């Protein structure tokens, strides 16, 4: 649920940090290849700051997930040792 809120925040931020014509041209699946350099108009500094904070939430969540995976690995290894010890 938290991830969905972060995605929604970022999607709502897109109009403030992108050029509509460029966004529209690329907003397809699969994304078309671009063969040229596109220039995005100057972005308001407060919108840049807001976007950075949204991205920092994504990074924070990724750190939590990686920590969870590391913890699960440790407990899985302990469980394997216990199971093996019971069959030796």
N, C-alpha and C. Protein backbone atom coordinates (compact mmCIF):
# COMPACT_ATOMS: atom_id res chain seq x y z
N UNK A 1 0.83 -1.20 0.00
CA UNK A 1 0.00 0.00 0.00
C UNK A 1 0.86 1.26 0.00
N UNK A 2 1.92 1.25 0.82
CA UNK A 2 2.80 2.41 0.88
C UNK A 2 3.45 2.67 -0.47
N UNK A 3 3.84 1.59 -1.16
CA UNK A 3 4.46 1.73 -2.47
C UNK A 3 3.50 2.39 -3.46
N UNK A 4 2.24 2.00 -3.41
CA UNK A 4 1.24 2.57 -4.30
C UNK A 4 1.11 4.07 -4.07
N UNK A 5 1.21 4.50 -2.82
CA UNK A 5 1.12 5.93 -2.51
C UNK A 5 2.32 6.68 -3.08
N UNK A 6 3.50 6.06 -2.99
CA UNK A 6 4.70 6.71 -3.53
C UNK A 6 4.60 6.81 -5.05
N UNK A 7 4.14 5.74 -5.69
CA UNK A 7 3.98 5.76 -7.14
C UNK A 7 2.98 6.84 -7.54
N UNK A 8 1.90 6.93 -6.79
CA UNK A 8 0.89 7.96 -7.08
C UNK A 8 1.49 9.36 -6.94
N UNK A 9 2.29 9.58 -5.88
CA UNK A 9 2.95 10.88 -5.70
C UNK A 9 3.81 11.22 -6.91
N UNK A 10 4.59 10.22 -7.35
CA UNK A 10 5.49 10.46 -8.48
C UNK A 10 4.71 10.73 -9.76
N UNK A 11 3.68 9.95 -10.01
CA UNK A 11 2.86 10.16 -11.21
C UNK A 11 2.22 11.55 -11.19
N UNK A 12 1.76 11.97 -10.02
CA UNK A 12 1.17 13.31 -9.90
C UNK A 12 2.20 14.41 -10.10
N UNK A 13 3.47 14.09 -9.90
CA UNK A 13 4.54 15.07 -10.03
C UNK A 13 5.00 15.23 -11.49
N UNK A 14 4.73 14.24 -12.32
CA UNK A 14 5.23 14.24 -13.70
C UNK A 14 4.88 15.52 -14.48
N UNK A 15 3.66 16.04 -14.39
CA UNK A 15 3.37 17.27 -15.15
C UNK A 15 4.24 18.47 -14.77
N UNK A 16 4.81 18.44 -13.57
CA UNK A 16 5.62 19.57 -13.11
C UNK A 16 7.10 19.44 -13.46
N UNK A 17 7.49 18.24 -13.93
CA UNK A 17 8.91 18.02 -14.21
C UNK A 17 9.17 17.54 -15.64
N UNK A 18 8.15 17.53 -16.46
CA UNK A 18 8.34 17.04 -17.82
C UNK A 18 7.63 17.92 -18.84
N UNK A 19 7.98 17.71 -20.08
CA UNK A 19 7.34 18.39 -21.19
C UNK A 19 6.24 17.47 -21.71
N UNK A 20 5.03 17.95 -21.84
CA UNK A 20 3.90 17.11 -22.22
C UNK A 20 4.13 16.41 -23.55
N UNK A 21 4.61 17.12 -24.55
CA UNK A 21 4.80 16.52 -25.89
C UNK A 21 5.80 15.36 -25.83
N UNK A 22 6.88 15.53 -25.11
CA UNK A 22 7.86 14.46 -24.96
C UNK A 22 7.27 13.30 -24.18
N UNK A 23 6.57 13.61 -23.10
CA UNK A 23 5.94 12.57 -22.28
C UNK A 23 4.93 11.78 -23.12
N UNK A 24 4.11 12.47 -23.87
CA UNK A 24 3.09 11.82 -24.69
C UNK A 24 3.74 10.91 -25.74
N UNK A 25 4.82 11.38 -26.35
CA UNK A 25 5.48 10.59 -27.39
C UNK A 25 6.09 9.31 -26.81
N UNK A 26 6.56 9.36 -25.57
CA UNK A 26 7.24 8.21 -24.96
C UNK A 26 6.32 7.34 -24.12
N UNK A 27 5.15 7.84 -23.77
CA UNK A 27 4.26 7.13 -22.85
C UNK A 27 3.45 6.06 -23.57
N UNK A 28 4.16 5.05 -24.06
CA UNK A 28 3.55 3.91 -24.75
C UNK A 28 4.25 2.64 -24.27
N UNK A 29 3.57 1.53 -24.47
CA UNK A 29 4.22 0.26 -24.15
C UNK A 29 4.22 -0.61 -25.39
N UNK A 30 5.35 -1.10 -25.82
CA UNK A 30 6.68 -0.80 -25.26
C UNK A 30 7.10 0.62 -25.63
N UNK A 31 7.95 1.17 -24.80
CA UNK A 31 8.40 2.55 -25.01
C UNK A 31 9.18 2.65 -26.31
N UNK A 32 8.83 3.59 -27.18
CA UNK A 32 9.55 3.71 -28.44
C UNK A 32 10.98 4.22 -28.22
N UNK A 33 11.86 3.80 -29.12
CA UNK A 33 13.25 4.26 -29.04
C UNK A 33 13.30 5.74 -29.41
N UNK A 34 14.21 6.46 -28.79
CA UNK A 34 14.39 7.86 -29.15
C UNK A 34 15.73 8.00 -29.85
N UNK A 35 15.74 8.71 -30.93
CA UNK A 35 16.95 8.89 -31.72
C UNK A 35 17.46 10.32 -31.67
N UNK A 36 16.85 11.12 -30.85
CA UNK A 36 17.26 12.51 -30.78
C UNK A 36 17.29 12.97 -29.33
N UNK A 37 17.97 14.07 -29.09
CA UNK A 37 18.05 14.63 -27.75
C UNK A 37 16.87 15.58 -27.57
N UNK A 38 16.15 15.39 -26.50
CA UNK A 38 15.01 16.26 -26.20
C UNK A 38 15.38 17.20 -25.06
N UNK A 39 14.99 18.39 -25.19
CA UNK A 39 15.25 19.37 -24.13
C UNK A 39 13.96 19.57 -23.34
N UNK A 40 14.09 19.50 -22.03
CA UNK A 40 12.94 19.75 -21.16
C UNK A 40 13.03 21.20 -20.70
N UNK A 41 11.91 21.91 -20.71
CA UNK A 41 11.94 23.30 -20.25
C UNK A 41 12.45 23.40 -18.81
N UNK A 42 12.93 24.57 -18.44
CA UNK A 42 13.44 24.79 -17.09
C UNK A 42 12.37 24.42 -16.07
N UNK A 43 12.79 23.63 -15.09
CA UNK A 43 11.87 23.16 -14.06
C UNK A 43 12.01 24.03 -12.82
N UNK A 44 10.90 24.40 -12.23
CA UNK A 44 10.86 25.19 -11.02
C UNK A 44 11.65 24.48 -9.92
N UNK A 45 12.50 25.20 -9.21
CA UNK A 45 13.38 24.57 -8.21
C UNK A 45 12.60 23.90 -7.08
N UNK A 46 11.42 24.43 -6.73
CA UNK A 46 10.63 23.78 -5.68
C UNK A 46 10.09 22.44 -6.15
N UNK A 47 9.79 22.33 -7.46
CA UNK A 47 9.32 21.06 -8.00
C UNK A 47 10.46 20.04 -8.07
N UNK A 48 11.66 20.52 -8.36
CA UNK A 48 12.82 19.63 -8.35
C UNK A 48 13.03 19.08 -6.94
N UNK A 49 12.95 19.95 -5.95
CA UNK A 49 13.12 19.52 -4.56
C UNK A 49 12.05 18.50 -4.17
N UNK A 50 10.81 18.77 -4.53
CA UNK A 50 9.72 17.85 -4.21
C UNK A 50 9.96 16.49 -4.86
N UNK A 51 10.39 16.50 -6.11
CA UNK A 51 10.67 15.25 -6.83
C UNK A 51 11.80 14.48 -6.16
N UNK A 52 12.83 15.18 -5.73
CA UNK A 52 13.94 14.53 -5.04
C UNK A 52 13.46 13.82 -3.77
N UNK A 53 12.58 14.45 -3.04
CA UNK A 53 12.06 13.82 -1.82
C UNK A 53 11.22 12.58 -2.15
N UNK A 54 10.46 12.64 -3.22
CA UNK A 54 9.69 11.46 -3.63
C UNK A 54 10.65 10.32 -3.99
N UNK A 55 11.69 10.65 -4.74
CA UNK A 55 12.67 9.63 -5.12
C UNK A 55 13.39 9.09 -3.88
N UNK A 56 13.64 9.95 -2.89
CA UNK A 56 14.29 9.47 -1.67
C UNK A 56 13.41 8.46 -0.92
N UNK A 57 12.08 8.61 -1.04
CA UNK A 57 11.18 7.62 -0.44
C UNK A 57 11.32 6.27 -1.13
N UNK A 58 11.47 6.29 -2.44
CA UNK A 58 11.68 5.05 -3.20
C UNK A 58 12.98 4.39 -2.75
N UNK A 59 14.04 5.16 -2.64
CA UNK A 59 15.34 4.63 -2.20
C UNK A 59 15.22 4.05 -0.80
N UNK A 60 14.55 4.74 0.10
CA UNK A 60 14.36 4.26 1.46
C UNK A 60 13.64 2.91 1.47
N UNK A 61 12.56 2.80 0.69
CA UNK A 61 11.83 1.53 0.60
C UNK A 61 12.72 0.43 0.07
N UNK A 62 13.51 0.72 -0.95
CA UNK A 62 14.42 -0.29 -1.48
C UNK A 62 15.41 -0.77 -0.43
N UNK A 63 15.92 0.16 0.38
CA UNK A 63 16.83 -0.22 1.46
C UNK A 63 16.15 -1.16 2.45
N UNK A 64 14.91 -0.87 2.77
CA UNK A 64 14.16 -1.74 3.69
C UNK A 64 14.00 -3.13 3.10
N UNK A 65 13.65 -3.20 1.82
CA UNK A 65 13.46 -4.50 1.18
C UNK A 65 14.76 -5.30 1.15
N UNK A 66 15.86 -4.63 0.85
CA UNK A 66 17.15 -5.33 0.83
C UNK A 66 17.51 -5.84 2.22
N UNK A 67 17.22 -5.05 3.24
CA UNK A 67 17.47 -5.49 4.61
C UNK A 67 16.60 -6.70 4.96
N UNK A 68 15.34 -6.67 4.53
CA UNK A 68 14.45 -7.81 4.77
C UNK A 68 14.97 -9.08 4.10
N UNK A 69 15.47 -8.93 2.88
CA UNK A 69 16.00 -10.08 2.15
C UNK A 69 17.21 -10.64 2.88
N UNK A 70 18.10 -9.76 3.36
CA UNK A 70 19.27 -10.22 4.11
C UNK A 70 18.84 -10.97 5.37
N UNK A 71 17.85 -10.44 6.08
CA UNK A 71 17.36 -11.10 7.30
C UNK A 71 16.76 -12.46 6.98
N UNK A 72 15.99 -12.53 5.91
CA UNK A 72 15.38 -13.80 5.52
C UNK A 72 16.45 -14.82 5.17
N UNK A 73 17.53 -14.38 4.54
CA UNK A 73 18.62 -15.28 4.18
C UNK A 73 19.25 -15.87 5.44
N UNK A 74 19.48 -15.03 6.44
CA UNK A 74 20.08 -15.50 7.70
C UNK A 74 19.18 -16.53 8.36
N UNK A 75 17.89 -16.24 8.45
CA UNK A 75 16.97 -17.19 9.10
C UNK A 75 16.79 -18.45 8.27
N UNK A 76 16.84 -18.34 6.96
CA UNK A 76 16.74 -19.53 6.11
C UNK A 76 17.95 -20.43 6.32
N UNK A 77 19.14 -19.83 6.43
CA UNK A 77 20.34 -20.64 6.67
C UNK A 77 20.28 -21.33 8.03
N UNK A 78 19.77 -20.64 9.04
CA UNK A 78 19.60 -21.25 10.37
C UNK A 78 18.61 -22.41 10.30
N UNK A 79 17.52 -22.21 9.57
CA UNK A 79 16.51 -23.27 9.45
C UNK A 79 17.08 -24.48 8.73
N UNK A 80 17.88 -24.25 7.71
CA UNK A 80 18.50 -25.37 6.98
C UNK A 80 19.42 -26.15 7.91
N UNK A 81 20.20 -25.46 8.72
CA UNK A 81 21.10 -26.14 9.67
C UNK A 81 20.31 -26.98 10.66
N UNK A 82 19.21 -26.44 11.16
CA UNK A 82 18.39 -27.19 12.13
C UNK A 82 17.80 -28.44 11.47
N UNK A 83 17.29 -28.28 10.26
CA UNK A 83 16.69 -29.43 9.57
C UNK A 83 17.74 -30.49 9.28
N UNK A 84 18.91 -30.05 8.79
CA UNK A 84 19.98 -31.02 8.50
C UNK A 84 20.44 -31.73 9.77
N UNK A 85 20.51 -31.00 10.88
CA UNK A 85 20.97 -31.62 12.13
C UNK A 85 20.00 -32.69 12.61
N UNK A 86 18.75 -32.55 12.30
CA UNK A 86 17.74 -33.53 12.72
C UNK A 86 17.82 -34.82 11.90
N UNK A 87 18.43 -34.73 10.72
CA UNK A 87 18.50 -35.92 9.85
C UNK A 87 19.90 -36.51 9.82
N UNK A 88 20.79 -36.06 10.64
CA UNK A 88 22.16 -36.63 10.71
C UNK A 88 22.29 -37.59 11.85
